Protein backbone atom coordinates (compact mmCIF):
# COMPACT_ATOMS: atom_id res chain seq x y z
CA UNK A 1 0.00 -0.08 0.27
CA UNK A 2 2.81 2.48 0.75
CA UNK A 3 4.45 1.57 -2.45
CA UNK A 4 1.30 2.38 -4.39
CA UNK A 5 1.18 5.81 -2.44
CA UNK A 6 4.80 6.41 -3.32
CA UNK A 7 4.17 5.46 -7.03
CA UNK A 8 1.27 7.95 -7.22
CA UNK A 9 3.24 10.78 -5.59
CA UNK A 10 6.11 10.09 -8.26
CA UNK A 11 3.87 10.12 -11.18
CA UNK A 12 2.17 13.33 -9.80
CA UNK A 13 5.67 14.99 -9.59
CA UNK A 14 6.48 13.84 -13.00
CA UNK A 15 3.54 15.46 -14.55
CA UNK A 16 4.04 18.95 -12.76
CA UNK A 17 7.53 18.84 -14.33
CA UNK A 18 6.61 17.94 -17.82
CA UNK A 19 4.36 20.92 -17.83
CA UNK A 20 5.11 23.51 -20.70
CA UNK A 21 7.43 26.06 -19.43
CA UNK A 22 5.13 28.82 -20.93
CA UNK A 23 2.78 28.28 -17.94
CA UNK A 24 5.38 29.47 -15.40
CA UNK A 25 4.95 32.75 -13.70
CA UNK A 26 6.39 35.98 -15.01
CA UNK A 27 9.57 37.42 -13.75
CA UNK A 28 9.86 40.13 -11.27
CA UNK A 29 12.17 43.28 -11.18
CA UNK A 30 13.12 45.46 -8.39
CA UNK A 31 13.93 49.36 -8.54
CA UNK A 32 15.21 50.99 -5.51
CA UNK A 33 14.70 54.54 -4.77
CA UNK A 34 17.90 55.51 -3.04
CA UNK A 35 20.16 58.54 -2.87
CA UNK A 36 17.45 60.76 -4.92
CA UNK A 37 17.83 58.22 -7.70
CA UNK A 38 16.44 55.22 -9.33
CA UNK A 39 18.48 52.23 -9.38
CA UNK A 40 18.91 50.85 -12.03
CA UNK A 41 18.03 53.83 -13.80
CA UNK A 42 17.55 51.84 -17.22
CA UNK A 43 15.81 48.26 -17.21
CA UNK A 44 14.77 46.00 -19.93
CA UNK A 45 12.10 43.49 -19.20
CA UNK A 46 9.89 40.93 -21.17
CA UNK A 47 6.15 41.57 -21.48
CA UNK A 48 4.25 40.42 -18.62
CA UNK A 49 6.99 41.18 -15.95
CA UNK A 50 6.31 42.93 -12.63
CA UNK A 51 8.41 45.86 -11.62
CA UNK A 52 8.35 46.73 -7.95
CA UNK A 53 9.75 50.35 -6.54
CA UNK A 54 10.69 50.52 -3.03
CA UNK A 55 11.45 53.78 -1.30
CA UNK A 56 15.01 53.78 0.88
CA UNK A 57 15.30 57.48 1.08
CA UNK A 58 13.76 59.43 4.25
CA UNK A 59 11.91 61.74 1.58
CA UNK A 60 8.90 60.78 -0.29
CA UNK A 61 9.22 59.53 -3.91
CA UNK A 62 6.52 58.54 -6.51
CA UNK A 63 6.93 57.15 -10.01
CA UNK A 64 5.08 58.95 -12.94
CA UNK A 65 5.67 58.29 -16.85
CA UNK A 66 6.60 60.83 -19.06
CA UNK A 67 6.54 58.81 -22.14
CA UNK A 68 5.47 55.32 -23.46
CA UNK A 69 2.43 53.42 -24.47
CA UNK A 70 0.59 53.68 -21.22
CA UNK A 71 0.38 56.30 -18.66
CA UNK A 72 1.19 55.11 -14.97
CA UNK A 73 1.25 57.18 -11.70
CA UNK A 74 2.12 55.38 -8.20
CA UNK A 75 1.01 56.93 -4.85
CA UNK A 76 3.23 58.76 -2.98
CA UNK A 77 5.71 56.33 -1.40
CA UNK A 78 7.35 57.16 2.27
CA UNK A 79 10.50 55.43 3.52
CA UNK A 80 10.17 51.58 3.24
CA UNK A 81 7.13 51.44 1.26
CA UNK A 82 6.86 49.54 -2.23
CA UNK A 83 4.60 50.03 -5.21
CA UNK A 84 4.44 47.11 -7.98
CA UNK A 85 3.08 47.50 -11.74
CA UNK A 86 2.97 44.60 -14.32
CA UNK A 87 3.78 45.69 -17.85
CA UNK A 88 1.74 43.96 -20.44
CA UNK A 89 2.28 46.39 -23.21
CA UNK A 90 5.60 46.49 -25.15
CA UNK A 91 7.30 49.63 -25.58
CA UNK A 92 9.77 52.17 -24.01
CA UNK A 93 8.65 53.87 -21.01
CA UNK A 94 10.17 57.00 -19.29
CA UNK A 95 9.19 57.96 -15.86
CA UNK A 96 10.29 60.49 -13.01
CA UNK A 97 9.73 61.47 -9.57
CA UNK A 98 7.33 64.42 -9.50
CA UNK A 99 8.82 65.44 -6.32
CA UNK A 100 12.10 65.43 -7.49
CA UNK A 101 12.32 65.84 -11.21
CA UNK A 102 15.80 65.13 -11.39
CA UNK A 103 15.14 61.64 -10.47
CA UNK A 104 14.63 60.07 -14.03
CA UNK A 105 14.91 56.52 -15.38
CA UNK A 106 13.25 54.23 -18.14
CA UNK A 107 12.29 50.67 -18.77
CA UNK A 108 11.94 48.97 -22.15
CA UNK A 109 9.23 46.20 -22.20
CA UNK A 110 10.22 43.73 -24.83
CA UNK A 111 7.26 41.95 -26.85
CA UNK A 112 6.74 38.33 -26.02
CA UNK A 113 7.67 36.03 -28.54
CA UNK A 114 4.85 34.32 -30.68
CA UNK A 115 4.76 31.43 -32.94
CA UNK A 116 3.86 32.19 -36.61
CA UNK A 117 3.02 29.77 -39.19
CA UNK A 118 4.92 30.10 -42.26
CA UNK A 119 3.26 29.02 -45.42
CA UNK A 120 5.46 28.81 -48.56
CA UNK A 121 3.74 28.96 -51.88
CA UNK A 122 4.43 25.96 -54.19
CA UNK A 123 6.72 26.73 -57.21
CA UNK A 124 4.35 27.22 -60.26
CA UNK A 125 4.96 24.66 -62.92
CA UNK A 126 5.47 25.83 -66.78
CA UNK A 127 1.79 24.02 -67.27
CA UNK A 128 0.47 26.15 -64.34
CA UNK A 129 1.97 29.23 -65.76
CA UNK A 130 0.32 28.50 -69.32
CA UNK A 131 -3.04 27.86 -67.77
CA UNK A 132 -3.02 30.96 -65.84
CA UNK A 133 -1.80 33.14 -68.63
CA UNK A 134 -4.57 33.95 -70.91
CA UNK A 135 -4.07 32.51 -74.55
CA UNK A 136 -2.88 35.09 -77.23
CA UNK A 137 -4.24 34.40 -80.71
CA UNK A 138 -2.45 36.02 -83.69
CA UNK A 139 -4.62 36.88 -86.62
CA UNK A 140 -3.84 34.89 -89.70
CA UNK A 141 -3.50 36.40 -93.16
CA UNK A 142 -6.07 35.58 -95.43
CA UNK A 143 -4.57 35.07 -99.08
CA UNK A 144 -6.31 36.72 -101.85
CA UNK A 145 -8.78 34.47 -103.92
CA UNK A 146 -8.18 33.20 -107.35
CA UNK A 147 -10.72 33.34 -110.00
CA UNK A 148 -11.37 29.61 -109.50
CA UNK A 149 -11.78 30.10 -105.80
CA UNK A 150 -14.31 32.77 -106.37
CA UNK A 151 -16.40 30.63 -108.72
CA UNK A 152 -16.72 28.00 -105.98
CA UNK A 153 -20.17 28.49 -104.10
CA UNK A 154 -19.97 30.18 -100.49
CA UNK A 155 -22.02 27.16 -99.41
CA UNK A 156 -19.24 24.67 -100.30
CA UNK A 157 -16.71 26.54 -98.64
CA UNK A 158 -18.62 26.73 -95.41
CA UNK A 159 -19.13 22.76 -95.63
CA UNK A 160 -15.42 22.02 -94.61
CA UNK A 161 -14.67 24.84 -91.79
CA UNK A 162 -11.23 24.83 -90.54
CA UNK A 163 -10.70 23.14 -87.30
CA UNK A 164 -7.97 24.66 -84.96
CA UNK A 165 -7.08 22.45 -82.07
CA UNK A 166 -5.88 23.78 -78.67
CA UNK A 167 -3.91 22.05 -76.28
CA UNK A 168 -5.64 20.78 -73.31
CA UNK A 169 -4.26 21.78 -70.26
CA UNK A 170 -4.77 19.32 -67.09
CA UNK A 171 -6.57 21.00 -64.39
CA UNK A 172 -4.53 22.42 -61.54
CA UNK A 173 -5.20 20.93 -58.23
CA UNK A 174 -4.21 23.27 -55.37
CA UNK A 175 -4.02 21.83 -51.99
CA UNK A 176 -4.71 24.14 -49.17
CA UNK A 177 -2.01 24.05 -46.38
CA UNK A 178 -3.37 22.81 -43.19
CA UNK A 179 -3.65 25.51 -40.66
CA UNK A 180 -4.65 23.32 -37.64
CA UNK A 181 -1.99 23.28 -35.03
CA UNK A 182 -1.28 19.74 -33.69
CA UNK A 183 -1.62 18.88 -29.94
CA UNK A 184 1.34 19.24 -27.72
CA UNK A 185 2.75 16.04 -26.91
CA UNK A 186 3.86 17.35 -23.39
CA UNK A 187 0.16 18.25 -22.41
CA UNK A 188 -1.10 14.81 -23.68
CA UNK A 189 1.67 13.12 -21.50
CA UNK A 190 0.87 15.12 -18.52
CA UNK A 191 -2.80 14.43 -18.95
CA UNK A 192 -2.09 10.77 -19.21
CA UNK A 193 0.25 10.62 -16.01
CA UNK A 194 -2.22 12.69 -13.96
CA UNK A 195 -4.98 10.52 -14.87
CA UNK A 196 -2.85 7.28 -13.80
CA UNK A 197 -2.11 9.10 -10.44
CA UNK A 198 -5.80 9.75 -9.56
CA UNK A 199 -6.62 6.05 -10.39
CA UNK A 200 -3.92 4.82 -8.28
CA UNK A 201 -5.14 7.09 -5.37
CA UNK A 202 -8.72 6.01 -5.80
CA UNK A 203 -7.54 2.25 -5.55
CA UNK A 204 -5.49 2.87 -2.32
CA UNK A 205 -8.52 4.36 -0.66
CA UNK A 206 -10.73 1.70 -1.89
CA UNK A 207 -8.46 -0.98 -0.36
CA UNK A 208 -8.00 1.01 2.90
CA UNK A 209 -11.63 1.29 3.33
CA UNK A 210 -12.12 -2.36 2.68
CA UNK A 211 -9.37 -3.24 5.30
CA UNK A 212 -10.90 -1.11 7.84
CA UNK A 213 -14.37 -2.68 7.30
CA UNK A 214 -12.92 -6.16 7.56
CA UNK A 215 -11.16 -5.15 11.01
CA UNK A 216 -14.39 -3.85 12.38
């Protein structure tokens, strides 16, 4: 019974370890207000990060943006107080302490990487090019009719019309690129492991209850 419990715990830990890294919490950064200056004065963080300002001076300070995609303004912070803000919009932010305008700093928020599916158009074959381009027909020069041809009735000339055969171009079949995104194998494996762990726990619980009933 103890062995089953240990196996279930190991499977649960394995499922947590196999979860994609994208579900981890965003990073946190700290800026100190010390010596009437922001430290660090320049900071680069990815989108979704949280920045915390802490006042170490006896004088009060605040944070107010002077440029950037968003306008933020913190409350006045006394010594030992902190204030945090999560930057979800990428861009360059400049900020200042309104009480001490000489205290300036900046934060660059980098855009989060995204997956873009790249679809490459197949190369066009000569047959496809000929099929898409409109056919150009050059007018043929008609020779002058002789006296003998003029004597032939018009109906006889129309009885045998000139047949022009045009090349038959096979239809072009274009297969649309599939835009469906396959399932992440790590998520499938994590779900299977979690299901096995739950089944093991249920089995152990049922056996324990049965043993207690038999003892009573």
